[in-house]
Amino acid sequence: MADLPRPTVLLDIVEEHFEELDILWAQRESVVFAPDWYLSNLAIHEERCDAHLAGLRLSGGHAVDVAEPALAGTDPHTVTAAAMTLLDFAEAELDELVIKAFTEGADEVREGIRLALRHGKIARLTSALARLAAEGEPPVRVAAMDVIGFHRMQPPQNLEAFMSTLDEDLRAAMVPVLGRFDGPWTRNMLDHAFESQDPSRHRQALETSVRTRVPGLDAACRVLATRTDNPSPTAMEFLGVLGSPDDLTLLERGLGMESLAQGAARGLGALGDPRGVPLLIEAMKEHSLAPFALAAFLRITAATGVEADAGTPPPADVDEDEADLHEALALPDPEKVETWWRANKGKFKSMKSWQDGAALPDTWGRAVNQFPLETRRDFYLRLRAGGEGRLPDVELEQRAGKQAAAFTD
C-alpha cells in the first residue's frame, strides 16, 4: 500500500474526522436543491466537509487505515467519505484501490464512489473512467458515464444501442447522463419515462428534456398532466418551472383535482406569478392541501409569522416510536396569511415572477445567488427551456465555488 507518513495523532480524532465527513457529505447531498438553503449556506457546509478531509489528509496512513475497510461498506455515504479520503492523497495505489472497488464492488459501493468521483479531482483518472464507460458490465458503464458526463468529458460511442440493452432501472439511471451528453433523447423517451410509477423519474426525464431542448416541452407537460389515465402531478408542477403565465388557469384547475392538487400547488410556487397567490390562499382552507399551498405561498412571498402554532400531526395508525420521528409540515394560520397578503400584495407586480419575496432577474447572473437553491435550479431550467444560449455550462449540483464562479456578468 502507499507509503504514507504516520504522524503522531489521536486515533479517535482521525475516526471522528471520518465520521463527520460521512455525515456532513450525506447532508450536503440532501440539501443541494433545498428550498431553504442558499449558495452561501452550501459553501459554508462544504468548508466544514473540507476541514475534516484536511484533517484526514494530515493523518496520513492512519486515515487510510480508517477509509480502506469502509470502502467495502453497505452505506453509500460512508463509501463516499472513504473514496474521497483515499482519492485526496493522489497516490496511484490508492486510486487503483478505488477504481477496483468501483468496478467490482456491490451496487451501494459503486454508488458511493460515483459521488466521490463527481466531486473529486479526477484528471489522473480520466483514461480509466473513459475505458470503463466504454466497456465492462452495464452497471459499471452507467456509473462511469455519470461521472464523465458530470465532468463534461466526451461520451462513448453508440449510446443509443447501449440504451436498448439495459433493464428499466439502468435506463432510468442513464436519463440524467443523457441530459449532460446532450442526448440521444426524444419525446418518445420522455413518454416512456412517464410509464414508471416513480415521480422522481418523471422529474429527471423532464430536466433531461430541457437540457436536450426537446421541442414543445410545455405542450408535452400539458398532455401528461391532463391525460385521462393517470394524470401526472410532476408534469403539472413542471409547467410552473417552465414559467408560462398562460398555464395559470390549468394550474388553478389542478388545485381542484385530488390527484393533481399537490403538483399544482408546487407549480404555482415555481411559477411565482402573484395572480396565483389568492388561489393558494384559498387552497390553504383545504386540510390535506394546506401545508403544500403554504409552502408555495412562502416560496413566492417569503412571508413570516403566518404559520399556525402546530404543524401536521403524525398519522393516526403509527406507533409511538414512529410518531416521535414524524417530521411535521408547517400549517398556515389563515387569518395571519390573509392579513399579511393584504398588507404586502402591492409590491408584487404581476408582470414578474417572484421568488423568496423578490422578483427574478431576466437573465442568469450574480443576482441569482440571493435565491434559494431550489429556485436557482428551476430558474436555470426555465432559461434553458426558453432557449437562453449564454448559460454557464456547470452542473448545479457542483460545488458551491464552481457554481458561484459560473456567470457571464
Protein backbone atom coordinates (compact mmCIF):
# COMPACT_ATOMS: atom_id res chain seq x y z
CA MET A 1 0.00 0.00 0.00
CA ALA A 2 1.04 3.62 -0.47
CA ASP A 3 3.97 4.59 1.78
CA LEU A 4 2.32 7.47 3.63
CA PRO A 5 3.69 9.06 6.78
CA ARG A 6 2.10 8.13 10.08
CA PRO A 7 2.36 11.21 12.29
CA THR A 8 1.63 11.07 15.99
CA VAL A 9 -2.13 11.56 16.25
CA LEU A 10 -5.07 10.66 18.44
CA LEU A 11 -6.71 7.81 16.53
CA ASP A 12 -10.10 8.74 17.98
CA ILE A 13 -9.76 12.15 16.32
CA VAL A 14 -8.95 10.55 12.97
CA GLU A 15 -12.07 8.44 13.24
CA GLU A 16 -14.09 11.49 14.25
CA HIS A 17 -12.89 13.38 11.16
CA PHE A 18 -14.03 10.45 9.01
CA GLU A 19 -17.41 10.11 10.69
CA GLU A 20 -18.07 13.84 10.37
CA LEU A 21 -17.10 13.81 6.68
CA ASP A 22 -19.52 10.92 6.19
CA ILE A 23 -22.40 12.70 7.97
CA LEU A 24 -21.78 16.15 6.52
CA TRP A 25 -21.46 14.95 2.94
CA ALA A 26 -24.68 12.96 3.25
CA GLN A 27 -26.36 16.14 4.47
CA ARG A 28 -24.84 18.05 1.60
CA GLU A 29 -26.38 15.68 -0.93
CA SER A 30 -29.80 16.02 0.72
CA VAL A 31 -29.86 19.84 0.67
CA VAL A 32 -28.26 20.62 -2.69
CA PHE A 33 -31.66 21.76 -4.06
CA ALA A 34 -33.36 22.60 -0.76
CA PRO A 35 -35.94 25.41 -0.69
CA ASP A 36 -34.45 26.91 2.48
CA TRP A 37 -30.72 26.72 1.63
CA TYR A 38 -28.72 29.31 -0.27
CA LEU A 39 -25.44 29.06 -2.13
CA SER A 40 -23.70 30.77 0.78
CA ASN A 41 -25.05 28.12 3.19
CA LEU A 42 -23.84 25.39 0.88
CA ALA A 43 -20.38 26.95 0.66
CA ILE A 44 -20.06 27.09 4.45
CA HIS A 45 -21.23 23.49 4.73
CA GLU A 46 -18.68 22.37 2.15
CA GLU A 47 -15.95 24.22 4.01
CA ARG A 48 -16.76 22.10 7.05
CA CYS A 49 -16.51 18.97 4.89
CA ASP A 50 -13.16 20.14 3.51
CA ALA A 51 -11.85 20.85 7.01
CA HIS A 52 -12.47 17.25 8.05
CA LEU A 53 -10.95 16.00 4.80
CA ALA A 54 -7.88 18.14 5.51
CA GLY A 55 -7.65 16.57 8.97
CA LEU A 56 -7.68 13.13 7.38
CA ARG A 57 -5.03 14.18 4.88
CA LEU A 58 -2.74 15.34 7.67
CA SER A 59 -3.26 11.99 9.40
CA GLY A 60 -1.55 10.20 6.50
CA GLY A 61 -1.55 6.43 6.77
CA HIS A 62 -3.84 6.47 9.80
CA ALA A 63 -6.61 7.91 7.60
CA VAL A 64 -6.04 5.16 5.06
CA ASP A 65 -6.43 2.61 7.85
CA VAL A 66 -9.89 4.04 8.57
CA ALA A 67 -11.00 4.61 4.99
CA GLU A 68 -9.87 1.42 3.28
CA PRO A 69 -12.18 -1.02 5.12
CA ALA A 70 -15.05 1.50 4.86
CA LEU A 71 -14.70 1.39 1.07
CA ALA A 72 -16.43 -2.00 1.14
CA GLY A 73 -19.29 -0.83 3.38
CA THR A 74 -23.03 -1.08 2.83
CA ASP A 75 -23.86 2.61 3.36
CA PRO A 76 -23.19 4.59 0.15
CA HIS A 77 -22.45 7.81 2.07
CA THR A 78 -19.80 6.07 4.17
CA VAL A 79 -18.30 4.72 0.95
CA THR A 80 -18.30 8.26 -0.46
CA ALA A 81 -16.32 9.50 2.54
CA ALA A 82 -13.89 6.59 2.18
CA ALA A 83 -13.33 7.19 -1.53
CA MET A 84 -12.92 10.95 -1.02
CA THR A 85 -10.31 10.29 1.65
CA LEU A 86 -8.32 7.84 -0.46
CA LEU A 87 -8.50 9.91 -3.65
CA ASP A 88 -7.39 13.03 -1.81
CA PHE A 89 -3.89 11.59 -1.34
CA ALA A 90 -3.38 11.45 -5.15
CA GLU A 91 -1.44 8.20 -4.78
CA ALA A 92 -1.55 5.71 -7.66
CA GLU A 93 -2.03 2.69 -5.40
CA LEU A 94 -4.99 4.30 -3.62
CA ASP A 95 -6.51 5.41 -6.93
CA GLU A 96 -6.30 1.82 -8.15
CA LEU A 97 -7.97 0.63 -4.96
CA VAL A 98 -10.90 2.98 -5.53
CA ILE A 99 -11.26 2.06 -9.22
CA LYS A 100 -11.14 -1.65 -8.37
CA ALA A 101 -13.92 -1.23 -5.80
CA PHE A 102 -15.89 0.88 -8.31
CA THR A 103 -15.59 -1.90 -10.88
CA GLU A 104 -16.04 -4.97 -8.72
CA GLY A 105 -17.99 -3.77 -5.67
CA ALA A 106 -21.67 -4.08 -4.84
CA ASP A 107 -24.18 -1.50 -6.08
CA GLU A 108 -24.01 0.57 -2.87
CA VAL A 109 -20.21 0.67 -3.12
CA ARG A 110 -20.34 1.86 -6.72
CA GLU A 111 -22.97 4.48 -5.80
CA GLY A 112 -20.81 5.90 -3.03
CA ILE A 113 -17.69 6.03 -5.20
CA ARG A 114 -19.67 7.61 -8.04
CA LEU A 115 -20.47 10.58 -5.80
CA ALA A 116 -16.86 10.87 -4.67
CA LEU A 117 -15.64 10.84 -8.28
CA ARG A 118 -18.15 13.53 -9.21
CA HIS A 119 -16.69 15.93 -6.68
CA GLY A 120 -13.07 14.86 -6.65
CA LYS A 121 -10.09 15.90 -8.73
CA ILE A 122 -10.10 13.13 -11.31
CA ALA A 123 -7.72 14.37 -14.02
CA ARG A 124 -5.38 11.45 -13.35
CA LEU A 125 -8.32 9.00 -13.63
CA THR A 126 -9.88 10.20 -16.89
CA SER A 127 -8.40 7.42 -19.03
CA ALA A 128 -9.60 4.73 -16.64
CA LEU A 129 -13.07 6.23 -16.39
CA ALA A 130 -13.37 6.64 -20.18
CA ARG A 131 -12.41 2.98 -20.59
CA LEU A 132 -14.97 1.87 -18.00
CA ALA A 133 -17.65 3.97 -19.70
CA ALA A 134 -17.00 2.23 -23.00
CA GLU A 135 -16.73 -1.39 -21.85
CA GLY A 136 -17.45 -3.74 -18.99
CA GLU A 137 -20.62 -4.70 -17.20
CA PRO A 138 -23.64 -2.38 -17.72
CA PRO A 139 -23.86 -1.09 -14.10
CA VAL A 140 -20.20 -0.07 -14.20
CA ARG A 141 -20.58 1.59 -17.60
CA VAL A 142 -23.62 3.56 -16.45
CA ALA A 143 -21.89 4.78 -13.27
CA ALA A 144 -18.73 5.69 -15.17
CA MET A 145 -20.75 7.61 -17.75
CA ASP A 146 -22.46 9.50 -14.95
CA VAL A 147 -19.05 10.65 -13.70
CA ILE A 148 -17.61 11.64 -17.07
CA GLY A 149 -20.84 13.40 -18.01
CA PHE A 150 -20.78 15.34 -14.77
CA HIS A 151 -17.23 16.48 -15.62
CA ARG A 152 -18.23 17.27 -19.22
CA MET A 153 -15.97 14.65 -20.76
CA GLN A 154 -16.85 13.20 -24.15
CA PRO A 155 -19.37 10.33 -24.18
CA PRO A 156 -18.57 6.89 -25.58
CA GLN A 157 -19.93 5.94 -28.97
CA ASN A 158 -23.15 4.05 -29.74
CA LEU A 159 -25.09 5.29 -26.71
CA GLU A 160 -28.45 4.59 -28.33
CA ALA A 161 -27.56 0.95 -28.96
CA PHE A 162 -26.29 0.63 -25.40
CA MET A 163 -29.54 2.03 -24.01
CA SER A 164 -31.52 -0.66 -25.83
CA THR A 165 -29.67 -3.38 -23.85
CA LEU A 166 -30.46 -2.03 -20.36
CA ASP A 167 -33.11 -3.03 -17.85
CA GLU A 168 -35.53 -0.38 -16.58
CA ASP A 169 -33.50 0.63 -13.53
CA LEU A 170 -30.31 1.18 -15.50
CA ARG A 171 -32.23 3.00 -18.24
CA ALA A 172 -33.56 5.33 -15.54
CA ALA A 173 -30.03 5.89 -14.21
CA MET A 174 -28.95 6.85 -17.74
CA VAL A 175 -31.60 9.56 -18.11
CA PRO A 176 -29.65 12.36 -16.36
CA VAL A 177 -26.47 11.16 -18.10
CA LEU A 178 -28.08 11.67 -21.50
CA GLY A 179 -29.01 15.19 -20.44
CA ARG A 180 -25.35 16.00 -19.78
CA PHE A 181 -24.26 14.35 -23.03
CA ASP A 182 -26.94 16.28 -24.98
CA GLY A 183 -28.70 13.09 -26.00
CA PRO A 184 -29.71 10.90 -27.58
CA TRP A 185 -33.10 11.86 -26.16
CA THR A 186 -36.52 12.11 -27.80
CA ARG A 187 -40.14 12.84 -26.96
CA ASN A 188 -40.83 9.09 -27.13
CA MET A 189 -38.20 8.51 -24.45
CA LEU A 190 -39.88 11.15 -22.28
CA ASP A 191 -43.24 9.42 -22.68
CA HIS A 192 -41.64 6.07 -21.81
CA ALA A 193 -40.19 7.52 -18.61
CA PHE A 194 -43.69 8.58 -17.57
CA GLU A 195 -44.83 4.96 -17.70
CA SER A 196 -42.91 4.49 -14.45
CA GLN A 197 -44.73 4.87 -11.14
CA ASP A 198 -41.76 6.73 -9.64
CA PRO A 199 -42.29 10.54 -9.70
CA SER A 200 -38.56 11.17 -9.32
CA ARG A 201 -38.03 9.50 -12.69
CA HIS A 202 -40.65 11.79 -14.20
CA ARG A 203 -38.85 14.89 -12.92
CA GLN A 204 -35.48 13.70 -14.18
CA ALA A 205 -36.90 12.94 -17.62
CA LEU A 206 -38.32 16.47 -17.79
CA GLU A 207 -34.99 18.01 -16.78
CA THR A 208 -33.20 15.95 -19.44
CA SER A 209 -35.80 17.12 -21.95
CA VAL A 210 -34.91 20.71 -21.05
CA ARG A 211 -31.18 20.11 -21.39
CA THR A 212 -31.59 18.41 -24.77
CA ARG A 213 -34.14 21.01 -25.89
CA VAL A 214 -36.98 18.66 -26.76
CA PRO A 215 -39.35 20.80 -28.86
CA GLY A 216 -42.79 21.54 -27.50
CA LEU A 217 -41.96 20.53 -23.93
CA ASP A 218 -44.62 22.81 -22.47
CA ALA A 219 -47.26 21.16 -24.66
CA ALA A 220 -45.95 17.73 -23.66
CA CYS A 221 -46.32 18.65 -19.98
CA ARG A 222 -49.90 19.76 -20.55
CA VAL A 223 -50.71 16.45 -22.19
CA LEU A 224 -49.06 14.42 -19.42
CA ALA A 225 -50.73 16.50 -16.70
CA THR A 226 -54.22 16.23 -18.15
CA ARG A 227 -54.30 12.74 -19.65
CA THR A 228 -57.37 10.76 -18.68
CA ASP A 229 -55.39 7.77 -17.45
CA ASN A 230 -53.00 8.58 -14.58
CA PRO A 231 -52.50 12.35 -14.99
CA SER A 232 -49.08 13.43 -13.73
CA PRO A 233 -48.70 15.89 -10.82
CA THR A 234 -44.98 16.10 -11.70
CA ALA A 235 -45.80 17.37 -15.19
CA MET A 236 -48.31 19.78 -13.66
CA GLU A 237 -45.62 21.11 -11.32
CA PHE A 238 -43.11 21.42 -14.16
CA LEU A 239 -45.42 23.80 -16.01
CA GLY A 240 -44.64 26.23 -13.22
CA VAL A 241 -40.91 25.64 -13.69
CA LEU A 242 -41.22 26.39 -17.41
CA GLY A 243 -42.82 29.65 -16.38
CA SER A 244 -45.65 30.42 -18.79
CA PRO A 245 -48.34 32.65 -17.24
CA ASP A 246 -50.71 31.10 -19.79
CA ASP A 247 -50.77 27.97 -17.62
CA LEU A 248 -52.18 29.76 -14.59
CA THR A 249 -55.71 28.59 -15.45
CA LEU A 250 -54.55 25.00 -15.87
CA LEU A 251 -52.75 25.10 -12.52
CA GLU A 252 -55.87 26.52 -10.89
CA ARG A 253 -57.88 23.64 -12.31
CA GLY A 254 -55.28 21.18 -10.98
CA LEU A 255 -55.74 22.54 -7.45
CA GLY A 256 -59.29 21.23 -7.54
CA MET A 257 -58.30 17.67 -8.51
CA GLU A 258 -57.16 15.39 -5.71
CA SER A 259 -54.58 13.56 -7.83
CA LEU A 260 -53.02 16.78 -9.12
CA ALA A 261 -53.52 19.24 -6.27
CA GLN A 262 -50.09 18.97 -4.65
CA GLY A 263 -48.32 19.20 -8.01
CA ALA A 264 -50.44 22.21 -8.95
CA ALA A 265 -49.62 23.95 -5.67
CA ARG A 266 -45.90 23.35 -6.18
CA GLY A 267 -46.26 24.52 -9.77
CA LEU A 268 -47.82 27.80 -8.64
CA GLY A 269 -44.93 28.25 -6.23
CA ALA A 270 -42.39 27.66 -9.01
CA LEU A 271 -44.27 29.93 -11.41
CA GLY A 272 -44.15 32.82 -8.96
CA ASP A 273 -46.99 34.74 -10.59
CA PRO A 274 -48.67 36.93 -7.93
CA ARG A 275 -52.02 36.23 -9.54
CA GLY A 276 -51.66 32.69 -8.23
CA VAL A 277 -51.33 33.78 -4.61
CA PRO A 278 -55.09 34.18 -3.97
CA LEU A 279 -55.53 30.66 -5.39
CA LEU A 280 -53.01 29.34 -2.88
CA ILE A 281 -54.65 31.20 -0.01
CA GLU A 282 -57.97 29.62 -0.94
CA ALA A 283 -56.30 26.19 -1.21
CA MET A 284 -54.98 26.56 2.35
CA LYS A 285 -58.55 26.10 3.54
CA GLU A 286 -58.44 22.51 2.25
CA HIS A 287 -56.96 20.47 5.11
CA SER A 288 -54.97 17.96 3.03
CA LEU A 289 -53.60 20.65 0.72
CA ALA A 290 -52.89 23.31 3.34
CA PRO A 291 -49.17 22.58 4.01
CA PHE A 292 -48.35 22.42 0.29
CA ALA A 293 -50.26 25.59 -0.50
CA LEU A 294 -48.49 27.34 2.38
CA ALA A 295 -45.08 26.14 1.14
CA ALA A 296 -45.82 27.53 -2.32
CA PHE A 297 -47.04 30.82 -0.82
CA LEU A 298 -43.85 31.14 1.21
CA ARG A 299 -41.71 30.27 -1.82
CA ILE A 300 -43.19 33.25 -3.65
CA THR A 301 -43.50 35.77 -0.85
CA ALA A 302 -41.00 34.84 1.91
CA ALA A 303 -43.76 35.88 4.33
CA THR A 304 -43.06 35.50 8.03
CA GLY A 305 -45.33 34.97 11.02
CA VAL A 306 -48.11 33.27 9.06
CA GLU A 307 -47.77 29.69 10.28
CA ALA A 308 -50.06 28.03 12.79
CA ASP A 309 -48.64 27.15 16.19
CA ALA A 310 -48.62 23.41 15.39
CA GLY A 311 -47.70 21.54 12.21
CA THR A 312 -49.19 18.43 10.66
CA PRO A 313 -49.77 15.68 13.25
CA PRO A 314 -48.37 12.16 12.79
CA PRO A 315 -50.68 9.64 11.07
CA ALA A 316 -53.16 8.02 13.41
CA ASP A 317 -52.07 4.47 12.55
CA VAL A 318 -48.40 4.73 13.63
CA ASP A 319 -46.90 3.59 16.90
CA GLU A 320 -45.29 5.88 19.49
CA ASP A 321 -41.75 5.47 18.16
CA GLU A 322 -42.81 6.30 14.61
CA ALA A 323 -44.81 9.26 15.89
CA ASP A 324 -41.68 10.60 17.62
CA LEU A 325 -39.83 10.51 14.26
CA HIS A 326 -42.63 12.30 12.42
CA GLU A 327 -41.43 15.49 10.70
CA ALA A 328 -44.31 17.92 10.88
CA LEU A 329 -45.07 20.14 7.88
CA ALA A 330 -45.89 23.76 8.66
CA LEU A 331 -49.58 24.62 8.54
CA PRO A 332 -50.98 28.07 7.79
CA ASP A 333 -52.89 30.34 10.09
CA PRO A 334 -55.47 31.53 7.53
CA GLU A 335 -56.17 34.82 9.27
CA LYS A 336 -52.47 35.69 9.51
CA VAL A 337 -51.92 34.71 5.87
CA GLU A 338 -54.73 36.92 4.60
CA THR A 339 -53.66 39.81 6.83
CA TRP A 340 -50.07 39.57 5.56
CA TRP A 341 -51.16 39.44 1.91
CA ARG A 342 -53.47 42.45 2.22
CA ALA A 343 -50.62 44.45 3.74
CA ASN A 344 -47.95 43.39 1.22
CA LYS A 345 -49.55 42.45 -2.09
CA GLY A 346 -48.98 45.93 -3.52
CA LYS A 347 -45.27 45.23 -4.04
CA PHE A 348 -45.84 42.07 -6.07
CA LYS A 349 -46.26 43.08 -9.70
CA SER A 350 -47.94 40.52 -11.94
CA MET A 351 -45.55 41.07 -14.86
CA LYS A 352 -42.69 39.49 -12.88
CA SER A 353 -42.01 36.06 -11.45
CA TRP A 354 -41.46 36.35 -7.71
CA GLN A 355 -39.41 34.01 -5.55
CA ASP A 356 -38.35 34.39 -1.94
CA GLY A 357 -40.00 37.81 -1.82
CA ALA A 358 -38.00 39.25 -4.75
CA ALA A 359 -38.51 39.49 -8.49
CA LEU A 360 -36.46 37.04 -10.52
CA PRO A 361 -33.97 38.70 -12.90
CA ASP A 362 -34.40 38.35 -16.64
CA THR A 363 -31.06 36.61 -17.18
CA TRP A 364 -28.66 34.38 -15.30
CA GLY A 365 -26.13 36.35 -13.28
CA ARG A 366 -24.73 37.00 -9.85
CA ALA A 367 -28.10 38.26 -8.61
CA VAL A 368 -29.37 34.68 -8.80
CA ASN A 369 -27.28 33.80 -5.76
CA GLN A 370 -29.71 35.63 -3.47
CA PHE A 371 -32.33 32.97 -4.18
CA PRO A 372 -32.68 29.53 -2.57
CA LEU A 373 -31.03 26.54 -4.22
CA GLU A 374 -34.36 25.12 -5.38
CA THR A 375 -35.21 28.39 -7.10
CA ARG A 376 -31.77 28.67 -8.73
CA ARG A 377 -32.18 25.21 -10.23
CA ASP A 378 -35.69 25.87 -11.52
CA PHE A 379 -34.72 29.28 -12.91
CA TYR A 380 -31.80 27.69 -14.75
CA LEU A 381 -34.16 25.15 -16.30
CA ARG A 382 -36.64 27.86 -17.24
CA LEU A 383 -34.00 29.89 -19.04
CA ARG A 384 -32.58 26.85 -20.78
CA ALA A 385 -36.03 25.71 -21.91
CA GLY A 386 -36.59 29.21 -23.26
CA GLY A 387 -33.54 28.96 -25.49
CA GLU A 388 -31.14 31.09 -23.43
CA GLY A 389 -27.77 30.33 -25.00
CA ARG A 390 -25.42 32.10 -22.59
CA LEU A 391 -26.00 29.97 -19.54
CA PRO A 392 -22.95 28.66 -17.68
CA ASP A 393 -22.09 25.09 -18.58
CA VAL A 394 -21.96 23.99 -14.96
CA GLU A 395 -23.95 21.34 -13.18
CA LEU A 396 -25.98 22.98 -10.42
CA GLU A 397 -25.06 20.01 -8.22
CA GLN A 398 -21.42 21.10 -8.46
CA ARG A 399 -19.51 22.52 -5.52
CA ALA A 400 -20.72 25.97 -4.44
CA GLY A 401 -17.48 27.63 -5.54
CA LYS A 402 -17.87 26.35 -9.08
CA GLN A 403 -21.48 27.46 -9.19
CA ALA A 404 -20.68 30.94 -7.87
CA ALA A 405 -17.94 31.42 -10.47
CA ALA A 406 -20.07 30.42 -13.45
CA PHE A 407 -21.52 33.77 -14.54
CA THR A 408 -21.47 35.97 -17.59
CA ASP A 409 -21.65 39.31 -15.77
